[in-house]
Amino acid sequence: MLSFDAMTQWDTELNEMNHKKEGNQYKYPDTLMEALWYVHAYFLLPYR
């Protein structure tokens, strides 16, 4: 599913996401959001 290699690429992924982006910059990469989604789905956590 997820590897720790994805988390080591945090800065690289953020730089790619923020390249030529106007306005506020992203603070969290898509891989982190994906990892949180997996945890949420696996443990059947509520939205609040």
PDB file of N, CA and C in Angstrom:
ATOM      1  N   MET A   1       0.816  -1.185   0.000  1.00  0.00           N
ATOM      2  CA  MET A   1       0.000   0.000   0.000  1.00  0.00           C
ATOM      3  C   MET A   1       0.864   1.255   0.000  1.00  0.00           C
ATOM      4  N   LEU A   2       1.318   1.634   1.170  1.00  0.00           N
ATOM      5  CA  LEU A   2       2.170   2.812   1.294  1.00  0.00           C
ATOM      6  C   LEU A   2       3.529   2.403   1.827  1.00  0.00           C
ATOM      7  N   SER A   3       4.524   3.099   1.377  1.00  0.00           N
ATOM      8  CA  SER A   3       5.864   2.836   1.880  1.00  0.00           C
ATOM      9  C   SER A   3       6.397   4.106   2.533  1.00  0.00           C
ATOM     10  N   PHE A   4       7.422   3.945   3.323  1.00  0.00           N
ATOM     11  CA  PHE A   4       8.035   5.110   3.947  1.00  0.00           C
ATOM     12  C   PHE A   4       8.806   5.943   2.932  1.00  0.00           C
ATOM     13  N   ASP A   5       9.108   5.372   1.773  1.00  0.00           N
ATOM     14  CA  ASP A   5       9.773   6.137   0.720  1.00  0.00           C
ATOM     15  C   ASP A   5       8.904   7.298   0.265  1.00  0.00           C
ATOM     16  N   ALA A   6       7.614   7.103   0.260  1.00  0.00           N
ATOM     17  CA  ALA A   6       6.702   8.172  -0.148  1.00  0.00           C
ATOM     18  C   ALA A   6       6.797   9.352   0.818  1.00  0.00           C
ATOM     19  N   MET A   7       6.976   9.067   2.092  1.00  0.00           N
ATOM     20  CA  MET A   7       7.068  10.135   3.078  1.00  0.00           C
ATOM     21  C   MET A   7       8.410  10.866   3.011  1.00  0.00           C
ATOM     22  N   THR A   8       9.445  10.202   2.530  1.00  0.00           N
ATOM     23  CA  THR A   8      10.743  10.871   2.422  1.00  0.00           C
ATOM     24  C   THR A   8      10.777  11.833   1.243  1.00  0.00           C
ATOM     25  N   GLN A   9       9.822  11.712   0.354  1.00  0.00           N
ATOM     26  CA  GLN A   9       9.754  12.592  -0.817  1.00  0.00           C
ATOM     27  C   GLN A   9       8.867  13.815  -0.573  1.00  0.00           C
ATOM     28  N   TRP A  10       8.570  14.108   0.676  1.00  0.00           N
ATOM     29  CA  TRP A  10       7.654  15.187   1.048  1.00  0.00           C
ATOM     30  C   TRP A  10       8.014  16.500   0.356  1.00  0.00           C
ATOM     31  N   ASP A  11       9.247  16.976   0.525  1.00  0.00           N
ATOM     32  CA  ASP A  11       9.662  18.264  -0.044  1.00  0.00           C
ATOM     33  C   ASP A  11       9.619  18.259  -1.558  1.00  0.00           C
ATOM     34  N   THR A  12      10.052  17.167  -2.163  1.00  0.00           N
ATOM     35  CA  THR A  12      10.054  17.072  -3.618  1.00  0.00           C
ATOM     36  C   THR A  12       8.633  17.160  -4.161  1.00  0.00           C
ATOM     37  N   GLU A  13       7.727  16.433  -3.549  1.00  0.00           N
ATOM     38  CA  GLU A  13       6.338  16.448  -4.014  1.00  0.00           C
ATOM     39  C   GLU A  13       5.709  17.826  -3.816  1.00  0.00           C
ATOM     40  N   LEU A  14       5.980  18.466  -2.684  1.00  0.00           N
ATOM     41  CA  LEU A  14       5.437  19.805  -2.455  1.00  0.00           C
ATOM     42  C   LEU A  14       5.973  20.805  -3.470  1.00  0.00           C
ATOM     43  N   ASN A  15       7.255  20.712  -3.785  1.00  0.00           N
ATOM     44  CA  ASN A  15       7.827  21.614  -4.783  1.00  0.00           C
ATOM     45  C   ASN A  15       7.164  21.427  -6.138  1.00  0.00           C
ATOM     46  N   GLU A  16       6.887  20.190  -6.514  1.00  0.00           N
ATOM     47  CA  GLU A  16       6.213  19.926  -7.788  1.00  0.00           C
ATOM     48  C   GLU A  16       4.777  20.451  -7.764  1.00  0.00           C
ATOM     49  N   MET A  17       4.084  20.268  -6.650  1.00  0.00           N
ATOM     50  CA  MET A  17       2.698  20.724  -6.551  1.00  0.00           C
ATOM     51  C   MET A  17       2.605  22.250  -6.568  1.00  0.00           C
ATOM     52  N   ASN A  18       3.581  22.932  -5.966  1.00  0.00           N
ATOM     53  CA  ASN A  18       3.544  24.385  -5.849  1.00  0.00           C
ATOM     54  C   ASN A  18       4.192  25.103  -7.026  1.00  0.00           C
ATOM     55  N   HIS A  19       4.785  24.367  -7.948  1.00  0.00           N
ATOM     56  CA  HIS A  19       5.441  24.981  -9.107  1.00  0.00           C
ATOM     57  C   HIS A  19       4.411  25.752  -9.934  1.00  0.00           C
ATOM     58  N   LYS A  20       4.659  27.033 -10.116  1.00  0.00           N
ATOM     59  CA  LYS A  20       3.797  27.943 -10.892  1.00  0.00           C
ATOM     60  C   LYS A  20       2.385  28.056 -10.319  1.00  0.00           C
ATOM     61  N   LYS A  21       2.237  27.791  -9.025  1.00  0.00           N
ATOM     62  CA  LYS A  21       0.926  27.932  -8.397  1.00  0.00           C
ATOM     63  C   LYS A  21       0.786  29.352  -7.873  1.00  0.00           C
ATOM     64  N   GLU A  22      -0.331  29.979  -8.186  1.00  0.00           N
ATOM     65  CA  GLU A  22      -0.605  31.311  -7.668  1.00  0.00           C
ATOM     66  C   GLU A  22      -1.385  31.188  -6.367  1.00  0.00           C
ATOM     67  N   GLY A  23      -1.226  32.160  -5.492  1.00  0.00           N
ATOM     68  CA  GLY A  23      -1.951  32.139  -4.221  1.00  0.00           C
ATOM     69  C   GLY A  23      -1.205  31.337  -3.167  1.00  0.00           C
ATOM     70  N   ASN A  24      -1.954  30.901  -2.175  1.00  0.00           N
ATOM     71  CA  ASN A  24      -1.356  30.141  -1.073  1.00  0.00           C
ATOM     72  C   ASN A  24      -0.746  28.841  -1.571  1.00  0.00           C
ATOM     73  N   GLN A  25       0.372  28.494  -0.964  1.00  0.00           N
ATOM     74  CA  GLN A  25       1.076  27.272  -1.332  1.00  0.00           C
ATOM     75  C   GLN A  25       0.507  26.094  -0.547  1.00  0.00           C
ATOM     76  N   TYR A  26       0.626  24.909  -1.141  1.00  0.00           N
ATOM     77  CA  TYR A  26       0.230  23.694  -0.436  1.00  0.00           C
ATOM     78  C   TYR A  26       1.217  23.432   0.695  1.00  0.00           C
ATOM     79  N   LYS A  27       0.726  22.948   1.823  1.00  0.00           N
ATOM     80  CA  LYS A  27       1.579  22.629   2.967  1.00  0.00           C
ATOM     81  C   LYS A  27       1.774  21.133   3.138  1.00  0.00           C
ATOM     82  N   TYR A  28       0.830  20.348   2.595  1.00  0.00           N
ATOM     83  CA  TYR A  28       0.864  18.900   2.759  1.00  0.00           C
ATOM     84  C   TYR A  28       0.764  18.237   1.392  1.00  0.00           C
ATOM     85  N   PRO A  29       1.594  17.230   1.134  1.00  0.00           N
ATOM     86  CA  PRO A  29       1.563  16.564  -0.171  1.00  0.00           C
ATOM     87  C   PRO A  29       0.360  15.632  -0.312  1.00  0.00           C
ATOM     88  N   ASP A  30       0.057  15.293  -1.546  1.00  0.00           N
ATOM     89  CA  ASP A  30      -1.063  14.394  -1.835  1.00  0.00           C
ATOM     90  C   ASP A  30      -0.867  13.017  -1.211  1.00  0.00           C
ATOM     91  N   THR A  31       0.382  12.559  -1.100  1.00  0.00           N
ATOM     92  CA  THR A  31       0.609  11.231  -0.527  1.00  0.00           C
ATOM     93  C   THR A  31       0.198  11.185   0.944  1.00  0.00           C
ATOM     94  N   LEU A  32       0.362  12.288   1.663  1.00  0.00           N
ATOM     95  CA  LEU A  32      -0.079  12.330   3.059  1.00  0.00           C
ATOM     96  C   LEU A  32      -1.599  12.252   3.130  1.00  0.00           C
ATOM     97  N   MET A  33      -2.280  12.990   2.264  1.00  0.00           N
ATOM     98  CA  MET A  33      -3.743  12.946   2.245  1.00  0.00           C
ATOM     99  C   MET A  33      -4.233  11.540   1.904  1.00  0.00           C
ATOM    100  N   GLU A  34      -3.536  10.878   0.997  1.00  0.00           N
ATOM    101  CA  GLU A  34      -3.891   9.508   0.630  1.00  0.00           C
ATOM    102  C   GLU A  34      -3.676   8.562   1.814  1.00  0.00           C
ATOM    103  N   ALA A  35      -2.585   8.738   2.537  1.00  0.00           N
ATOM    104  CA  ALA A  35      -2.306   7.893   3.698  1.00  0.00           C
ATOM    105  C   ALA A  35      -3.370   8.085   4.774  1.00  0.00           C
ATOM    106  N   LEU A  36      -3.772   9.326   5.003  1.00  0.00           N
ATOM    107  CA  LEU A  36      -4.817   9.591   5.992  1.00  0.00           C
ATOM    108  C   LEU A  36      -6.147   8.983   5.567  1.00  0.00           C
ATOM    109  N   TRP A  37      -6.417   8.988   4.268  1.00  0.00           N
ATOM    110  CA  TRP A  37      -7.645   8.379   3.768  1.00  0.00           C
ATOM    111  C   TRP A  37      -7.634   6.875   4.033  1.00  0.00           C
ATOM    112  N   TYR A  38      -6.487   6.222   3.808  1.00  0.00           N
ATOM    113  CA  TYR A  38      -6.384   4.782   4.071  1.00  0.00           C
ATOM    114  C   TYR A  38      -6.628   4.473   5.552  1.00  0.00           C
ATOM    115  N   VAL A  39      -6.054   5.262   6.435  1.00  0.00           N
ATOM    116  CA  VAL A  39      -6.249   5.060   7.875  1.00  0.00           C
ATOM    117  C   VAL A  39      -7.724   5.246   8.224  1.00  0.00           C
ATOM    118  N   HIS A  40      -8.314   6.292   7.686  1.00  0.00           N
ATOM    119  CA  HIS A  40      -9.730   6.580   7.936  1.00  0.00           C
ATOM    120  C   HIS A  40     -10.614   5.416   7.478  1.00  0.00           C
ATOM    121  N   ALA A  41     -10.354   4.903   6.289  1.00  0.00           N
ATOM    122  CA  ALA A  41     -11.164   3.811   5.739  1.00  0.00           C
ATOM    123  C   ALA A  41     -10.915   2.497   6.478  1.00  0.00           C
ATOM    124  N   TYR A  42      -9.668   2.213   6.815  1.00  0.00           N
ATOM    125  CA  TYR A  42      -9.324   0.946   7.465  1.00  0.00           C
ATOM    126  C   TYR A  42      -9.958   0.828   8.850  1.00  0.00           C
ATOM    127  N   PHE A  43      -9.893   1.910   9.622  1.00  0.00           N
ATOM    128  CA  PHE A  43     -10.406   1.881  10.988  1.00  0.00           C
ATOM    129  C   PHE A  43     -11.865   2.322  11.092  1.00  0.00           C
ATOM    130  N   LEU A  44     -12.508   2.568   9.953  1.00  0.00           N
ATOM    131  CA  LEU A  44     -13.915   2.988   9.906  1.00  0.00           C
ATOM    132  C   LEU A  44     -14.168   4.172  10.831  1.00  0.00           C
ATOM    133  N   LEU A  45     -13.311   5.176  10.743  1.00  0.00           N
ATOM    134  CA  LEU A  45     -13.418   6.350  11.600  1.00  0.00           C
ATOM    135  C   LEU A  45     -14.555   7.255  11.132  1.00  0.00           C
ATOM    136  N   PRO A  46     -15.234   7.918  12.067  1.00  0.00           N
ATOM    137  CA  PRO A  46     -16.278   8.870  11.667  1.00  0.00           C
ATOM    138  C   PRO A  46     -15.636  10.140  11.104  1.00  0.00           C
ATOM    139  N   TYR A  47     -16.435  10.925  10.440  1.00  0.00           N
ATOM    140  CA  TYR A  47     -15.918  12.156   9.850  1.00  0.00           C
ATOM    141  C   TYR A  47     -15.670  13.243  10.880  1.00  0.00           C
ATOM    142  N   ARG A  48     -16.291  13.139  12.022  1.00  0.00           N
ATOM    143  CA  ARG A  48     -16.080  14.155  13.058  1.00  0.00           C
ATOM    144  C   ARG A  48     -15.541  13.544  14.317  1.00  0.00           C
TER     145      ARG A  48
END
